[in-house]
């Protein structure tokens, strides 16, 4: 049986001129399915898939926060309606 994954979208503000470095670091994280440099209030948007809340927390707290150049994140958890 297939594993049911949940999805979250993470909006990221970076330090000036660090967008490309953060982008490359995000690509190296296994749970990151896609990432984009965007215009507006945030500099990057990343989609992550995770099996449960613990895995999501490990990725967001344990990996995203360690990326040099990340100043702020906002996580939007997708839900089914």
N, C-alpha and C. Protein backbone atom coordinates (compact mmCIF):
# COMPACT_ATOMS: atom_id res chain seq x y z
N UNK A 1 0.83 -1.18 0.00
CA UNK A 1 0.00 0.00 0.00
C UNK A 1 0.88 1.24 0.00
N UNK A 2 0.42 2.28 -0.69
CA UNK A 2 1.19 3.51 -0.77
C UNK A 2 1.14 4.30 0.53
N UNK A 3 2.19 5.00 0.79
CA UNK A 3 2.29 5.82 1.98
C UNK A 3 1.57 7.14 1.73
N UNK A 4 0.67 7.51 2.63
CA UNK A 4 -0.03 8.78 2.53
C UNK A 4 0.89 9.90 3.01
N UNK A 5 1.18 10.84 2.14
CA UNK A 5 2.05 11.96 2.51
C UNK A 5 1.23 13.23 2.68
N UNK A 6 1.65 14.07 3.57
CA UNK A 6 1.07 15.40 3.73
C UNK A 6 1.99 16.39 3.06
N UNK A 7 1.44 17.56 2.76
CA UNK A 7 2.20 18.58 2.05
C UNK A 7 2.14 19.90 2.80
N UNK A 8 3.24 20.62 2.76
CA UNK A 8 3.28 21.98 3.29
C UNK A 8 4.04 22.85 2.30
N UNK A 9 3.68 24.11 2.26
CA UNK A 9 4.38 25.09 1.44
C UNK A 9 5.07 26.04 2.41
N UNK A 10 6.35 26.26 2.19
CA UNK A 10 7.14 27.10 3.09
C UNK A 10 7.58 28.35 2.32
N UNK A 11 7.21 29.50 2.84
CA UNK A 11 7.62 30.79 2.27
C UNK A 11 8.85 31.24 3.05
N UNK A 12 9.87 31.67 2.34
CA UNK A 12 11.16 31.94 2.98
C UNK A 12 11.68 33.33 2.62
N UNK A 13 12.08 34.07 3.65
CA UNK A 13 12.80 35.33 3.45
C UNK A 13 14.27 35.04 3.69
N UNK A 14 15.12 35.55 2.79
CA UNK A 14 16.55 35.33 2.93
C UNK A 14 17.27 36.64 3.20
N UNK A 15 18.50 36.53 3.63
CA UNK A 15 19.35 37.71 3.72
C UNK A 15 19.60 38.19 2.30
N UNK A 16 19.85 39.49 2.12
CA UNK A 16 20.10 40.01 0.77
C UNK A 16 21.20 39.25 0.05
N UNK A 17 20.94 38.94 -1.20
CA UNK A 17 21.89 38.28 -2.10
C UNK A 17 22.16 36.82 -1.73
N UNK A 18 21.34 36.23 -0.87
CA UNK A 18 21.53 34.83 -0.46
C UNK A 18 20.49 33.90 -1.09
N UNK A 19 19.64 34.43 -1.95
CA UNK A 19 18.56 33.62 -2.53
C UNK A 19 19.07 32.36 -3.22
N UNK A 20 20.08 32.51 -4.05
CA UNK A 20 20.60 31.36 -4.81
C UNK A 20 21.24 30.32 -3.89
N UNK A 21 21.94 30.75 -2.87
CA UNK A 21 22.57 29.81 -1.93
C UNK A 21 21.50 29.02 -1.17
N UNK A 22 20.47 29.71 -0.72
CA UNK A 22 19.39 29.04 0.00
C UNK A 22 18.65 28.09 -0.94
N UNK A 23 18.41 28.53 -2.16
CA UNK A 23 17.75 27.69 -3.18
C UNK A 23 18.50 26.37 -3.35
N UNK A 24 19.82 26.45 -3.52
CA UNK A 24 20.62 25.23 -3.70
C UNK A 24 20.59 24.34 -2.46
N UNK A 25 20.61 24.95 -1.28
CA UNK A 25 20.55 24.17 -0.04
C UNK A 25 19.21 23.44 0.09
N UNK A 26 18.14 24.10 -0.33
CA UNK A 26 16.82 23.47 -0.27
C UNK A 26 16.75 22.25 -1.18
N UNK A 27 17.38 22.33 -2.34
CA UNK A 27 17.36 21.21 -3.29
C UNK A 27 18.03 19.96 -2.71
N UNK A 28 18.91 20.14 -1.74
CA UNK A 28 19.63 19.01 -1.15
C UNK A 28 18.82 18.32 -0.04
N UNK A 29 17.69 18.89 0.36
CA UNK A 29 16.86 18.29 1.42
C UNK A 29 15.89 17.32 0.78
N UNK A 30 15.91 16.09 1.24
CA UNK A 30 15.12 15.01 0.64
C UNK A 30 13.62 15.31 0.58
N UNK A 31 13.06 15.90 1.62
CA UNK A 31 11.62 16.16 1.67
C UNK A 31 11.17 17.30 0.78
N UNK A 32 12.10 18.11 0.29
CA UNK A 32 11.73 19.22 -0.57
C UNK A 32 11.42 18.68 -1.97
N UNK A 33 10.17 18.83 -2.38
CA UNK A 33 9.71 18.31 -3.66
C UNK A 33 9.96 19.33 -4.77
N UNK A 34 9.78 20.59 -4.46
CA UNK A 34 10.06 21.65 -5.43
C UNK A 34 10.36 22.95 -4.69
N UNK A 35 11.08 23.81 -5.34
CA UNK A 35 11.40 25.12 -4.76
C UNK A 35 11.51 26.14 -5.89
N UNK A 36 11.13 27.38 -5.56
CA UNK A 36 11.11 28.44 -6.57
C UNK A 36 11.57 29.75 -5.95
N UNK A 37 12.31 30.53 -6.69
CA UNK A 37 12.59 31.91 -6.31
C UNK A 37 11.37 32.71 -6.75
N UNK A 38 10.84 33.54 -5.86
CA UNK A 38 9.61 34.27 -6.15
C UNK A 38 9.80 35.76 -5.87
N UNK A 39 8.93 36.56 -6.44
CA UNK A 39 8.91 38.00 -6.19
C UNK A 39 7.85 38.30 -5.16
N UNK A 40 8.06 39.35 -4.38
CA UNK A 40 7.08 39.75 -3.40
C UNK A 40 7.69 39.82 -2.01
N UNK A 41 6.86 39.63 -1.01
CA UNK A 41 7.30 39.73 0.38
C UNK A 41 8.33 38.65 0.74
N UNK A 42 8.22 37.49 0.11
CA UNK A 42 9.14 36.39 0.36
C UNK A 42 10.06 36.20 -0.84
N UNK A 43 11.19 35.56 -0.62
CA UNK A 43 12.18 35.36 -1.68
C UNK A 43 12.10 33.98 -2.32
N UNK A 44 11.65 32.98 -1.56
CA UNK A 44 11.57 31.61 -2.06
C UNK A 44 10.29 30.96 -1.57
N UNK A 45 9.82 29.98 -2.34
CA UNK A 45 8.72 29.13 -1.92
C UNK A 45 9.14 27.69 -2.15
N UNK A 46 8.94 26.86 -1.14
CA UNK A 46 9.31 25.45 -1.25
C UNK A 46 8.13 24.58 -0.86
N UNK A 47 7.99 23.47 -1.56
CA UNK A 47 6.97 22.48 -1.20
C UNK A 47 7.66 21.30 -0.57
N UNK A 48 7.17 20.90 0.60
CA UNK A 48 7.72 19.71 1.25
C UNK A 48 6.62 18.69 1.44
N UNK A 49 6.98 17.43 1.31
CA UNK A 49 6.08 16.32 1.61
C UNK A 49 6.62 15.61 2.83
N UNK A 50 5.74 15.16 3.70
CA UNK A 50 6.17 14.51 4.93
C UNK A 50 5.13 13.47 5.34
N UNK A 51 5.59 12.46 6.09
CA UNK A 51 4.72 11.36 6.50
C UNK A 51 3.87 11.72 7.72
N UNK A 52 4.40 12.54 8.62
CA UNK A 52 3.67 12.89 9.83
C UNK A 52 4.22 14.20 10.39
N UNK A 53 3.58 14.70 11.44
CA UNK A 53 3.98 15.98 12.04
C UNK A 53 5.41 15.96 12.57
N UNK A 54 5.84 14.81 13.10
CA UNK A 54 7.21 14.72 13.61
C UNK A 54 8.22 14.91 12.50
N UNK A 55 7.96 14.28 11.36
CA UNK A 55 8.87 14.43 10.22
C UNK A 55 8.89 15.88 9.74
N UNK A 56 7.71 16.50 9.69
CA UNK A 56 7.63 17.90 9.27
C UNK A 56 8.45 18.78 10.21
N UNK A 57 8.31 18.57 11.51
CA UNK A 57 9.06 19.37 12.48
C UNK A 57 10.55 19.17 12.32
N UNK A 58 10.98 17.94 12.10
CA UNK A 58 12.41 17.67 11.92
C UNK A 58 12.95 18.41 10.71
N UNK A 59 12.18 18.43 9.63
CA UNK A 59 12.64 19.12 8.42
C UNK A 59 12.67 20.62 8.63
N UNK A 60 11.58 21.17 9.16
CA UNK A 60 11.49 22.63 9.31
C UNK A 60 12.44 23.16 10.37
N UNK A 61 12.48 22.51 11.52
CA UNK A 61 13.32 23.00 12.61
C UNK A 61 14.75 22.51 12.46
N UNK A 62 14.92 21.25 12.12
CA UNK A 62 16.24 20.67 12.08
C UNK A 62 17.03 20.98 10.83
N UNK A 63 16.36 21.23 9.71
CA UNK A 63 17.09 21.44 8.47
C UNK A 63 16.93 22.86 7.92
N UNK A 64 15.71 23.36 7.80
CA UNK A 64 15.51 24.69 7.22
C UNK A 64 16.22 25.77 8.03
N UNK A 65 16.13 25.68 9.35
CA UNK A 65 16.72 26.71 10.21
C UNK A 65 18.24 26.70 10.20
N UNK A 66 18.83 25.60 9.76
CA UNK A 66 20.29 25.50 9.70
C UNK A 66 20.86 26.07 8.41
N UNK A 67 20.01 26.39 7.44
CA UNK A 67 20.49 26.89 6.15
C UNK A 67 20.99 28.32 6.33
N UNK A 68 22.26 28.58 6.05
CA UNK A 68 22.77 29.94 6.14
C UNK A 68 22.02 30.86 5.17
N UNK A 69 21.62 32.01 5.66
CA UNK A 69 20.93 32.97 4.82
C UNK A 69 19.43 33.01 5.02
N UNK A 70 18.86 32.02 5.70
CA UNK A 70 17.42 32.03 5.97
C UNK A 70 17.15 32.96 7.13
N UNK A 71 16.31 33.97 6.91
CA UNK A 71 15.97 34.91 7.97
C UNK A 71 14.63 34.61 8.61
N UNK A 72 13.66 34.17 7.79
CA UNK A 72 12.30 33.96 8.29
C UNK A 72 11.59 32.96 7.40
N UNK A 73 10.73 32.14 8.01
CA UNK A 73 9.90 31.23 7.23
C UNK A 73 8.46 31.34 7.69
N UNK A 74 7.56 31.01 6.79
CA UNK A 74 6.15 30.87 7.12
C UNK A 74 5.69 29.58 6.47
N UNK A 75 5.10 28.71 7.27
CA UNK A 75 4.70 27.39 6.78
C UNK A 75 3.19 27.35 6.63
N UNK A 76 2.75 26.91 5.45
CA UNK A 76 1.33 26.74 5.15
C UNK A 76 1.10 25.25 4.94
N UNK A 77 0.35 24.62 5.84
CA UNK A 77 0.09 23.19 5.74
C UNK A 77 -1.16 22.97 4.90
N UNK A 78 -1.02 22.16 3.86
CA UNK A 78 -2.14 21.89 2.96
C UNK A 78 -3.08 20.87 3.62
N UNK A 79 -4.38 21.07 3.42
CA UNK A 79 -5.38 20.14 3.93
C UNK A 79 -6.37 19.77 2.84
N UNK A 80 -6.99 18.63 2.98
CA UNK A 80 -8.03 18.20 2.06
C UNK A 80 -9.38 18.72 2.55
N UNK A 81 -10.20 19.19 1.63
CA UNK A 81 -11.55 19.65 2.01
C UNK A 81 -12.60 18.92 1.21
